[in-house]
Amino acid sequence: MVIDQEALKKELIEAFHLENVPAAKQEELLSKIGEALLKRIFLETMEKIGDANVKEYEALLDKETKEEEMEAFFESKIPGYTIFVRSVVTRFKEEMAKDLAV
């Protein structure tokens, strides 16, 4: 799996100082942060693979391709895809932290 979701959840809790937020509110905030982060990863991935490969990606979606096959596809189009995703996550956290500090 490209993103260890439990590790990412803990990372986001620490990054945004949500440790003392009530559990229900914490889950709500993590859901919103996670949704924004996934959108960012998706958009940057689609931009990186280019139009021709987006069509191939869409064809894989139509075939209901397994997660492992999808990851292999992205890795073939973006060598070091896991590192790419990690860099998107890092930039996202930095931008959010900067925006929240205002």
PDB file of N, CA and C in Angstrom:
ATOM      1  N   MET A   1       0.841  -1.182   0.000  1.00  0.00           N
ATOM      2  CA  MET A   1       0.000   0.000   0.000  1.00  0.00           C
ATOM      3  C   MET A   1       0.886   1.246   0.000  1.00  0.00           C
ATOM      4  N   VAL A   2       0.566   2.200  -0.817  1.00  0.00           N
ATOM      5  CA  VAL A   2       1.351   3.413  -0.940  1.00  0.00           C
ATOM      6  C   VAL A   2       1.304   4.226   0.354  1.00  0.00           C
ATOM      7  N   ILE A   3       0.145   4.319   0.966  1.00  0.00           N
ATOM      8  CA  ILE A   3       0.004   5.101   2.195  1.00  0.00           C
ATOM      9  C   ILE A   3      -0.477   4.184   3.309  1.00  0.00           C
ATOM     10  N   ASP A   4       0.291   4.117   4.397  1.00  0.00           N
ATOM     11  CA  ASP A   4      -0.142   3.412   5.603  1.00  0.00           C
ATOM     12  C   ASP A   4      -1.108   4.349   6.313  1.00  0.00           C
ATOM     13  N   GLN A   5      -2.394   4.041   6.220  1.00  0.00           N
ATOM     14  CA  GLN A   5      -3.418   4.970   6.690  1.00  0.00           C
ATOM     15  C   GLN A   5      -3.363   5.212   8.195  1.00  0.00           C
ATOM     16  N   GLU A   6      -3.062   4.192   8.969  1.00  0.00           N
ATOM     17  CA  GLU A   6      -2.975   4.386  10.420  1.00  0.00           C
ATOM     18  C   GLU A   6      -1.790   5.269  10.787  1.00  0.00           C
ATOM     19  N   ALA A   7      -0.667   5.044  10.140  1.00  0.00           N
ATOM     20  CA  ALA A   7       0.517   5.868  10.395  1.00  0.00           C
ATOM     21  C   ALA A   7       0.254   7.310   9.964  1.00  0.00           C
ATOM     22  N   LEU A   8      -0.409   7.479   8.829  1.00  0.00           N
ATOM     23  CA  LEU A   8      -0.731   8.815   8.350  1.00  0.00           C
ATOM     24  C   LEU A   8      -1.682   9.514   9.316  1.00  0.00           C
ATOM     25  N   LYS A   9      -2.640   8.786   9.819  1.00  0.00           N
ATOM     26  CA  LYS A   9      -3.597   9.349  10.781  1.00  0.00           C
ATOM     27  C   LYS A   9      -2.853   9.886  12.004  1.00  0.00           C
ATOM     28  N   LYS A  10      -1.940   9.084  12.549  1.00  0.00           N
ATOM     29  CA  LYS A  10      -1.153   9.519  13.704  1.00  0.00           C
ATOM     30  C   LYS A  10      -0.297  10.730  13.350  1.00  0.00           C
ATOM     31  N   GLU A  11       0.277  10.697  12.164  1.00  0.00           N
ATOM     32  CA  GLU A  11       1.121  11.800  11.698  1.00  0.00           C
ATOM     33  C   GLU A  11       0.317  13.097  11.601  1.00  0.00           C
ATOM     34  N   LEU A  12      -0.896  13.013  11.087  1.00  0.00           N
ATOM     35  CA  LEU A  12      -1.745  14.199  10.962  1.00  0.00           C
ATOM     36  C   LEU A  12      -2.203  14.707  12.328  1.00  0.00           C
ATOM     37  N   ILE A  13      -2.506  13.791  13.231  1.00  0.00           N
ATOM     38  CA  ILE A  13      -2.902  14.188  14.590  1.00  0.00           C
ATOM     39  C   ILE A  13      -1.776  14.992  15.239  1.00  0.00           C
ATOM     40  N   GLU A  14      -0.554  14.506  15.085  1.00  0.00           N
ATOM     41  CA  GLU A  14       0.595  15.212  15.655  1.00  0.00           C
ATOM     42  C   GLU A  14       0.867  16.524  14.925  1.00  0.00           C
ATOM     43  N   ALA A  15       0.833  16.498  13.601  1.00  0.00           N
ATOM     44  CA  ALA A  15       1.160  17.682  12.806  1.00  0.00           C
ATOM     45  C   ALA A  15       0.213  18.843  13.094  1.00  0.00           C
ATOM     46  N   PHE A  16      -1.048  18.516  13.336  1.00  0.00           N
ATOM     47  CA  PHE A  16      -2.050  19.564  13.541  1.00  0.00           C
ATOM     48  C   PHE A  16      -2.499  19.668  14.999  1.00  0.00           C
ATOM     49  N   HIS A  17      -1.726  19.046  15.883  1.00  0.00           N
ATOM     50  CA  HIS A  17      -1.944  19.134  17.334  1.00  0.00           C
ATOM     51  C   HIS A  17      -3.385  18.804  17.725  1.00  0.00           C
ATOM     52  N   LEU A  18      -3.847  17.655  17.264  1.00  0.00           N
ATOM     53  CA  LEU A  18      -5.216  17.220  17.533  1.00  0.00           C
ATOM     54  C   LEU A  18      -5.292  16.208  18.672  1.00  0.00           C
ATOM     55  N   GLU A  19      -4.182  16.001  19.387  1.00  0.00           N
ATOM     56  CA  GLU A  19      -4.129  14.970  20.420  1.00  0.00           C
ATOM     57  C   GLU A  19      -5.201  15.157  21.500  1.00  0.00           C
ATOM     58  N   ASN A  20      -5.493  16.389  21.861  1.00  0.00           N
ATOM     59  CA  ASN A  20      -6.436  16.656  22.957  1.00  0.00           C
ATOM     60  C   ASN A  20      -7.839  17.020  22.487  1.00  0.00           C
ATOM     61  N   VAL A  21      -8.072  16.888  21.196  1.00  0.00           N
ATOM     62  CA  VAL A  21      -9.396  17.157  20.640  1.00  0.00           C
ATOM     63  C   VAL A  21     -10.283  15.938  20.922  1.00  0.00           C
ATOM     64  N   PRO A  22     -11.537  16.162  21.351  1.00  0.00           N
ATOM     65  CA  PRO A  22     -12.430  15.020  21.586  1.00  0.00           C
ATOM     66  C   PRO A  22     -12.493  14.090  20.369  1.00  0.00           C
ATOM     67  N   ALA A  23     -12.613  12.798  20.643  1.00  0.00           N
ATOM     68  CA  ALA A  23     -12.526  11.770  19.602  1.00  0.00           C
ATOM     69  C   ALA A  23     -13.462  12.023  18.416  1.00  0.00           C
ATOM     70  N   ALA A  24     -14.707  12.372  18.666  1.00  0.00           N
ATOM     71  CA  ALA A  24     -15.656  12.586  17.571  1.00  0.00           C
ATOM     72  C   ALA A  24     -15.221  13.757  16.696  1.00  0.00           C
ATOM     73  N   LYS A  25     -14.796  14.836  17.328  1.00  0.00           N
ATOM     74  CA  LYS A  25     -14.346  16.013  16.577  1.00  0.00           C
ATOM     75  C   LYS A  25     -13.039  15.705  15.848  1.00  0.00           C
ATOM     76  N   GLN A  26     -12.164  14.946  16.493  1.00  0.00           N
ATOM     77  CA  GLN A  26     -10.897  14.545  15.885  1.00  0.00           C
ATOM     78  C   GLN A  26     -11.153  13.749  14.606  1.00  0.00           C
ATOM     79  N   GLU A  27     -12.074  12.795  14.661  1.00  0.00           N
ATOM     80  CA  GLU A  27     -12.409  11.989  13.479  1.00  0.00           C
ATOM     81  C   GLU A  27     -12.988  12.849  12.363  1.00  0.00           C
ATOM     82  N   GLU A  28     -13.821  13.807  12.735  1.00  0.00           N
ATOM     83  CA  GLU A  28     -14.414  14.713  11.752  1.00  0.00           C
ATOM     84  C   GLU A  28     -13.317  15.533  11.065  1.00  0.00           C
ATOM     85  N   LEU A  29     -12.416  16.088  11.858  1.00  0.00           N
ATOM     86  CA  LEU A  29     -11.321  16.885  11.302  1.00  0.00           C
ATOM     87  C   LEU A  29     -10.396  16.030  10.441  1.00  0.00           C
ATOM     88  N   LEU A  30     -10.063  14.833  10.916  1.00  0.00           N
ATOM     89  CA  LEU A  30      -9.200  13.942  10.144  1.00  0.00           C
ATOM     90  C   LEU A  30      -9.843  13.543   8.826  1.00  0.00           C
ATOM     91  N   SER A  31     -11.140  13.369   8.843  1.00  0.00           N
ATOM     92  CA  SER A  31     -11.862  13.025   7.615  1.00  0.00           C
ATOM     93  C   SER A  31     -11.736  14.161   6.601  1.00  0.00           C
ATOM     94  N   LYS A  32     -11.926  15.382   7.055  1.00  0.00           N
ATOM     95  CA  LYS A  32     -11.828  16.538   6.154  1.00  0.00           C
ATOM     96  C   LYS A  32     -10.400  16.743   5.656  1.00  0.00           C
ATOM     97  N   ILE A  33      -9.432  16.612   6.562  1.00  0.00           N
ATOM     98  CA  ILE A  33      -8.027  16.745   6.171  1.00  0.00           C
ATOM     99  C   ILE A  33      -7.662  15.640   5.193  1.00  0.00           C
ATOM    100  N   GLY A  34      -8.088  14.421   5.498  1.00  0.00           N
ATOM    101  CA  GLY A  34      -7.792  13.280   4.631  1.00  0.00           C
ATOM    102  C   GLY A  34      -8.380  13.448   3.250  1.00  0.00           C
ATOM    103  N   GLU A  35      -9.596  13.953   3.178  1.00  0.00           N
ATOM    104  CA  GLU A  35     -10.245  14.170   1.888  1.00  0.00           C
ATOM    105  C   GLU A  35      -9.462  15.196   1.065  1.00  0.00           C
ATOM    106  N   ALA A  36      -9.053  16.282   1.699  1.00  0.00           N
ATOM    107  CA  ALA A  36      -8.277  17.305   0.997  1.00  0.00           C
ATOM    108  C   ALA A  36      -6.930  16.740   0.541  1.00  0.00           C
ATOM    109  N   LEU A  37      -6.303  15.951   1.386  1.00  0.00           N
ATOM    110  CA  LEU A  37      -5.012  15.354   1.052  1.00  0.00           C
ATOM    111  C   LEU A  37      -5.145  14.369  -0.114  1.00  0.00           C
ATOM    112  N   LEU A  38      -6.158  13.536  -0.092  1.00  0.00           N
ATOM    113  CA  LEU A  38      -6.368  12.582  -1.191  1.00  0.00           C
ATOM    114  C   LEU A  38      -6.632  13.293  -2.512  1.00  0.00           C
ATOM    115  N   LYS A  39      -7.382  14.384  -2.453  1.00  0.00           N
ATOM    116  CA  LYS A  39      -7.617  15.167  -3.669  1.00  0.00           C
ATOM    117  C   LYS A  39      -6.304  15.709  -4.209  1.00  0.00           C
ATOM    118  N   ARG A  40      -5.454  16.202  -3.302  1.00  0.00           N
ATOM    119  CA  ARG A  40      -4.157  16.748  -3.713  1.00  0.00           C
ATOM    120  C   ARG A  40      -3.307  15.656  -4.356  1.00  0.00           C
ATOM    121  N   ILE A  41      -3.259  14.490  -3.714  1.00  0.00           N
ATOM    122  CA  ILE A  41      -2.471  13.379  -4.263  1.00  0.00           C
ATOM    123  C   ILE A  41      -3.003  12.992  -5.638  1.00  0.00           C
ATOM    124  N   PHE A  42      -4.313  12.891  -5.751  1.00  0.00           N
ATOM    125  CA  PHE A  42      -4.929  12.518  -7.023  1.00  0.00           C
ATOM    126  C   PHE A  42      -4.592  13.528  -8.116  1.00  0.00           C
ATOM    127  N   LEU A  43      -4.800  14.807  -7.829  1.00  0.00           N
ATOM    128  CA  LEU A  43      -4.554  15.839  -8.842  1.00  0.00           C
ATOM    129  C   LEU A  43      -3.089  15.880  -9.271  1.00  0.00           C
ATOM    130  N   GLU A  44      -2.184  15.800  -8.300  1.00  0.00           N
ATOM    131  CA  GLU A  44      -0.765  15.836  -8.649  1.00  0.00           C
ATOM    132  C   GLU A  44      -0.347  14.570  -9.400  1.00  0.00           C
ATOM    133  N   THR A  45      -0.945  13.443  -9.052  1.00  0.00           N
ATOM    134  CA  THR A  45      -0.651  12.204  -9.764  1.00  0.00           C
ATOM    135  C   THR A  45      -1.134  12.286 -11.204  1.00  0.00           C
ATOM    136  N   MET A  46      -2.349  12.765 -11.406  1.00  0.00           N
ATOM    137  CA  MET A  46      -2.892  12.866 -12.767  1.00  0.00           C
ATOM    138  C   MET A  46      -2.065  13.841 -13.597  1.00  0.00           C
ATOM    139  N   GLU A  47      -1.643  14.928 -12.992  1.00  0.00           N
ATOM    140  CA  GLU A  47      -0.811  15.900 -13.706  1.00  0.00           C
ATOM    141  C   GLU A  47       0.525  15.268 -14.096  1.00  0.00           C
ATOM    142  N   LYS A  48       1.091  14.512 -13.189  1.00  0.00           N
ATOM    143  CA  LYS A  48       2.408  13.907 -13.419  1.00  0.00           C
ATOM    144  C   LYS A  48       2.356  12.826 -14.504  1.00  0.00           C
ATOM    145  N   ILE A  49       1.270  12.027 -14.553  1.00  0.00           N
ATOM    146  CA  ILE A  49       1.231  10.944 -15.541  1.00  0.00           C
ATOM    147  C   ILE A  49       0.855  11.440 -16.939  1.00  0.00           C
ATOM    148  N   GLY A  50       0.229  12.599 -17.033  1.00  0.00           N
ATOM    149  CA  GLY A  50      -0.089  13.175 -18.341  1.00  0.00           C
ATOM    150  C   GLY A  50      -1.372  12.624 -18.943  1.00  0.00           C
ATOM    151  N   ASP A  51      -1.871  13.333 -19.940  1.00  0.00           N
ATOM    152  CA  ASP A  51      -3.162  13.026 -20.557  1.00  0.00           C
ATOM    153  C   ASP A  51      -3.255  11.611 -21.119  1.00  0.00           C
ATOM    154  N   ALA A  52      -2.236  11.166 -21.818  1.00  0.00           N
ATOM    155  CA  ALA A  52      -2.282   9.835 -22.441  1.00  0.00           C
ATOM    156  C   ALA A  52      -2.431   8.751 -21.383  1.00  0.00           C
ATOM    157  N   ASN A  53      -1.720   8.886 -20.280  1.00  0.00           N
ATOM    158  CA  ASN A  53      -1.805   7.882 -19.228  1.00  0.00           C
ATOM    159  C   ASN A  53      -3.064   8.015 -18.382  1.00  0.00           C
ATOM    160  N   VAL A  54      -3.674   9.195 -18.367  1.00  0.00           N
ATOM    161  CA  VAL A  54      -4.952   9.358 -17.662  1.00  0.00           C
ATOM    162  C   VAL A  54      -6.002   8.475 -18.331  1.00  0.00           C
ATOM    163  N   LYS A  55      -5.979   8.417 -19.642  1.00  0.00           N
ATOM    164  CA  LYS A  55      -6.935   7.555 -20.356  1.00  0.00           C
ATOM    165  C   LYS A  55      -6.711   6.082 -19.980  1.00  0.00           C
ATOM    166  N   GLU A  56      -5.458   5.689 -19.875  1.00  0.00           N
ATOM    167  CA  GLU A  56      -5.142   4.323 -19.461  1.00  0.00           C
ATOM    168  C   GLU A  56      -5.612   4.078 -18.027  1.00  0.00           C
ATOM    169  N   TYR A  57      -5.428   5.061 -17.166  1.00  0.00           N
ATOM    170  CA  TYR A  57      -5.903   4.982 -15.778  1.00  0.00           C
ATOM    171  C   TYR A  57      -7.421   4.811 -15.741  1.00  0.00           C
ATOM    172  N   GLU A  58      -8.126   5.599 -16.532  1.00  0.00           N
ATOM    173  CA  GLU A  58      -9.584   5.506 -16.584  1.00  0.00           C
ATOM    174  C   GLU A  58     -10.035   4.125 -17.058  1.00  0.00           C
ATOM    175  N   ALA A  59      -9.302   3.556 -18.006  1.00  0.00           N
ATOM    176  CA  ALA A  59      -9.624   2.208 -18.486  1.00  0.00           C
ATOM    177  C   ALA A  59      -9.441   1.188 -17.362  1.00  0.00           C
ATOM    178  N   LEU A  60      -8.402   1.379 -16.557  1.00  0.00           N
ATOM    179  CA  LEU A  60      -8.193   0.482 -15.409  1.00  0.00           C
ATOM    180  C   LEU A  60      -9.334   0.614 -14.401  1.00  0.00           C
ATOM    181  N   LEU A  61      -9.809   1.823 -14.199  1.00  0.00           N
ATOM    182  CA  LEU A  61     -10.940   2.033 -13.291  1.00  0.00           C
ATOM    183  C   LEU A  61     -12.194   1.318 -13.794  1.00  0.00           C
ATOM    184  N   ASP A  62     -12.412   1.404 -15.104  1.00  0.00           N
ATOM    185  CA  ASP A  62     -13.578   0.749 -15.703  1.00  0.00           C
ATOM    186  C   ASP A  62     -13.542  -0.765 -15.514  1.00  0.00           C
ATOM    187  N   LYS A  63     -12.316  -1.323 -15.461  1.00  0.00           N
ATOM    188  CA  LYS A  63     -12.157  -2.771 -15.281  1.00  0.00           C
ATOM    189  C   LYS A  63     -12.176  -3.174 -13.806  1.00  0.00           C
ATOM    190  N   GLU A  64     -12.363  -2.193 -12.927  1.00  0.00           N
ATOM    191  CA  GLU A  64     -12.329  -2.449 -11.485  1.00  0.00           C
ATOM    192  C   GLU A  64     -11.038  -3.165 -11.093  1.00  0.00           C
ATOM    193  N   THR A  65      -9.943  -2.579 -11.488  1.00  0.00           N
ATOM    194  CA  THR A  65      -8.614  -3.115 -11.236  1.00  0.00           C
ATOM    195  C   THR A  65      -8.333  -3.164  -9.736  1.00  0.00           C
ATOM    196  N   LYS A  66      -7.615  -4.208  -9.315  1.00  0.00           N
ATOM    197  CA  LYS A  66      -7.251  -4.359  -7.908  1.00  0.00           C
ATOM    198  C   LYS A  66      -6.262  -3.279  -7.492  1.00  0.00           C
ATOM    199  N   GLU A  67      -6.238  -2.981  -6.205  1.00  0.00           N
ATOM    200  CA  GLU A  67      -5.369  -1.938  -5.660  1.00  0.00           C
ATOM    201  C   GLU A  67      -3.897  -2.177  -6.005  1.00  0.00           C
ATOM    202  N   GLU A  68      -3.458  -3.430  -5.898  1.00  0.00           N
ATOM    203  CA  GLU A  68      -2.062  -3.745  -6.186  1.00  0.00           C
ATOM    204  C   GLU A  68      -1.710  -3.444  -7.650  1.00  0.00           C
ATOM    205  N   GLU A  69      -2.637  -3.753  -8.538  1.00  0.00           N
ATOM    206  CA  GLU A  69      -2.416  -3.491  -9.960  1.00  0.00           C
ATOM    207  C   GLU A  69      -2.387  -1.991 -10.240  1.00  0.00           C
ATOM    208  N   MET A  70      -3.230  -1.249  -9.541  1.00  0.00           N
ATOM    209  CA  MET A  70      -3.270   0.198  -9.709  1.00  0.00           C
ATOM    210  C   MET A  70      -1.955   0.815  -9.218  1.00  0.00           C
ATOM    211  N   GLU A  71      -1.461   0.320  -8.096  1.00  0.00           N
ATOM    212  CA  GLU A  71      -0.187   0.813  -7.573  1.00  0.00           C
ATOM    213  C   GLU A  71       0.947   0.499  -8.545  1.00  0.00           C
ATOM    214  N   ALA A  72       0.908  -0.689  -9.138  1.00  0.00           N
ATOM    215  CA  ALA A  72       1.926  -1.067 -10.120  1.00  0.00           C
ATOM    216  C   ALA A  72       1.848  -0.147 -11.345  1.00  0.00           C
ATOM    217  N   PHE A  73       0.645   0.202 -11.745  1.00  0.00           N
ATOM    218  CA  PHE A  73       0.457   1.134 -12.867  1.00  0.00           C
ATOM    219  C   PHE A  73       1.107   2.476 -12.547  1.00  0.00           C
ATOM    220  N   PHE A  74       0.795   3.028 -11.368  1.00  0.00           N
ATOM    221  CA  PHE A  74       1.363   4.329 -11.006  1.00  0.00           C
ATOM    222  C   PHE A  74       2.883   4.254 -10.887  1.00  0.00           C
ATOM    223  N   GLU A  75       3.381   3.177 -10.330  1.00  0.00           N
ATOM    224  CA  GLU A  75       4.830   3.011 -10.193  1.00  0.00           C
ATOM    225  C   GLU A  75       5.487   2.940 -11.576  1.00  0.00           C
ATOM    226  N   SER A  76       4.804   2.335 -12.546  1.00  0.00           N
ATOM    227  CA  SER A  76       5.376   2.243 -13.891  1.00  0.00           C
ATOM    228  C   SER A  76       5.380   3.602 -14.590  1.00  0.00           C
ATOM    229  N   LYS A  77       4.442   4.449 -14.237  1.00  0.00           N
ATOM    230  CA  LYS A  77       4.349   5.771 -14.875  1.00  0.00           C
ATOM    231  C   LYS A  77       5.145   6.829 -14.109  1.00  0.00           C
ATOM    232  N   ILE A  78       5.265   6.641 -12.790  1.00  0.00           N
ATOM    233  CA  ILE A  78       6.009   7.570 -11.935  1.00  0.00           C
ATOM    234  C   ILE A  78       6.966   6.737 -11.097  1.00  0.00           C
ATOM    235  N   PRO A  79       8.161   6.476 -11.630  1.00  0.00           N
ATOM    236  CA  PRO A  79       9.128   5.696 -10.839  1.00  0.00           C
ATOM    237  C   PRO A  79       9.336   6.348  -9.466  1.00  0.00           C
ATOM    238  N   GLY A  80       9.326   5.525  -8.431  1.00  0.00           N
ATOM    239  CA  GLY A  80       9.426   6.061  -7.076  1.00  0.00           C
ATOM    240  C   GLY A  80       8.111   6.678  -6.624  1.00  0.00           C
ATOM    241  N   TYR A  81       7.004   6.089  -7.048  1.00  0.00           N
ATOM    242  CA  TYR A  81       5.686   6.660  -6.756  1.00  0.00           C
ATOM    243  C   TYR A  81       5.459   6.850  -5.259  1.00  0.00           C
ATOM    244  N   THR A  82       5.904   5.921  -4.456  1.00  0.00           N
ATOM    245  CA  THR A  82       5.729   6.052  -3.007  1.00  0.00           C
ATOM    246  C   THR A  82       6.443   7.298  -2.499  1.00  0.00           C
ATOM    247  N   ILE A  83       7.628   7.558  -3.011  1.00  0.00           N
ATOM    248  CA  ILE A  83       8.379   8.751  -2.625  1.00  0.00           C
ATOM    249  C   ILE A  83       7.645  10.002  -3.112  1.00  0.00           C
ATOM    250  N   PHE A  84       7.098   9.936  -4.305  1.00  0.00           N
ATOM    251  CA  PHE A  84       6.310  11.044  -4.853  1.00  0.00           C
ATOM    252  C   PHE A  84       5.125  11.357  -3.944  1.00  0.00           C
ATOM    253  N   VAL A  85       4.392  10.315  -3.543  1.00  0.00           N
ATOM    254  CA  VAL A  85       3.229  10.501  -2.670  1.00  0.00           C
ATOM    255  C   VAL A  85       3.672  11.093  -1.335  1.00  0.00           C
ATOM    256  N   ARG A  86       4.754  10.579  -0.783  1.00  0.00           N
ATOM    257  CA  ARG A  86       5.262  11.091   0.489  1.00  0.00           C
ATOM    258  C   ARG A  86       5.599  12.574   0.370  1.00  0.00           C
ATOM    259  N   SER A  87       6.177  12.993  -0.772  1.00  0.00           N
ATOM    260  CA  SER A  87       6.509  14.409  -0.953  1.00  0.00           C
ATOM    261  C   SER A  87       5.248  15.268  -1.030  1.00  0.00           C
ATOM    262  N   VAL A  88       4.194  14.742  -1.627  1.00  0.00           N
ATOM    263  CA  VAL A  88       2.917  15.463  -1.680  1.00  0.00           C
ATOM    264  C   VAL A  88       2.371  15.626  -0.264  1.00  0.00           C
ATOM    265  N   VAL A  89       2.428  14.568   0.522  1.00  0.00           N
ATOM    266  CA  VAL A  89       1.947  14.615   1.906  1.00  0.00           C
ATOM    267  C   VAL A  89       2.740  15.654   2.698  1.00  0.00           C
ATOM    268  N   THR A  90       4.049  15.636   2.555  1.00  0.00           N
ATOM    269  CA  THR A  90       4.905  16.573   3.289  1.00  0.00           C
ATOM    270  C   THR A  90       4.585  18.018   2.916  1.00  0.00           C
ATOM    271  N   ARG A  91       4.483  18.296   1.624  1.00  0.00           N
ATOM    272  CA  ARG A  91       4.153  19.657   1.184  1.00  0.00           C
ATOM    273  C   ARG A  91       2.779  20.078   1.694  1.00  0.00           C
ATOM    274  N   PHE A  92       1.824  19.159   1.659  1.00  0.00           N
ATOM    275  CA  PHE A  92       0.475  19.445   2.134  1.00  0.00           C
ATOM    276  C   PHE A  92       0.511  19.840   3.616  1.00  0.00           C
ATOM    277  N   LYS A  93       1.199  19.043   4.422  1.00  0.00           N
ATOM    278  CA  LYS A  93       1.283  19.341   5.862  1.00  0.00           C
ATOM    279  C   LYS A  93       1.953  20.688   6.097  1.00  0.00           C
ATOM    280  N   GLU A  94       3.030  20.963   5.372  1.00  0.00           N
ATOM    281  CA  GLU A  94       3.735  22.235   5.533  1.00  0.00           C
ATOM    282  C   GLU A  94       2.845  23.415   5.166  1.00  0.00           C
ATOM    283  N   GLU A  95       2.123  23.297   4.054  1.00  0.00           N
ATOM    284  CA  GLU A  95       1.228  24.373   3.627  1.00  0.00           C
ATOM    285  C   GLU A  95       0.098  24.578   4.627  1.00  0.00           C
ATOM    286  N   MET A  96      -0.486  23.482   5.103  1.00  0.00           N
ATOM    287  CA  MET A  96      -1.571  23.580   6.079  1.00  0.00           C
ATOM    288  C   MET A  96      -1.074  24.204   7.389  1.00  0.00           C
ATOM    289  N   ALA A  97       0.082  23.775   7.842  1.00  0.00           N
ATOM    290  CA  ALA A  97       0.645  24.311   9.084  1.00  0.00           C
ATOM    291  C   ALA A  97       0.900  25.810   8.944  1.00  0.00           C
ATOM    292  N   LYS A  98       1.414  26.203   7.793  1.00  0.00           N
ATOM    293  CA  LYS A  98       1.681  27.625   7.536  1.00  0.00           C
ATOM    294  C   LYS A  98       0.367  28.412   7.534  1.00  0.00           C
ATOM    295  N   ASP A  99      -0.656  27.874   6.873  1.00  0.00           N
ATOM    296  CA  ASP A  99      -1.954  28.545   6.816  1.00  0.00           C
ATOM    297  C   ASP A  99      -2.602  28.635   8.199  1.00  0.00           C
ATOM    298  N   LEU A 100      -2.433  27.604   9.008  1.00  0.00           N
ATOM    299  CA  LEU A 100      -3.034  27.583  10.337  1.00  0.00           C
ATOM    300  C   LEU A 100      -2.312  28.505  11.312  1.00  0.00           C
ATOM    301  N   ALA A 101      -1.059  28.807  11.034  1.00  0.00           N
ATOM    302  CA  ALA A 101      -0.266  29.653  11.919  1.00  0.00           C
ATOM    303  C   ALA A 101      -0.629  31.130  11.791  1.00  0.00           C
ATOM    304  N   VAL A 102      -1.359  31.471  10.731  1.00  0.00           N
ATOM    305  CA  VAL A 102      -1.700  32.881  10.485  1.00  0.00           C
ATOM    306  C   VAL A 102      -2.638  33.409  11.510  1.00  0.00           C
TER     307      VAL A 102
END
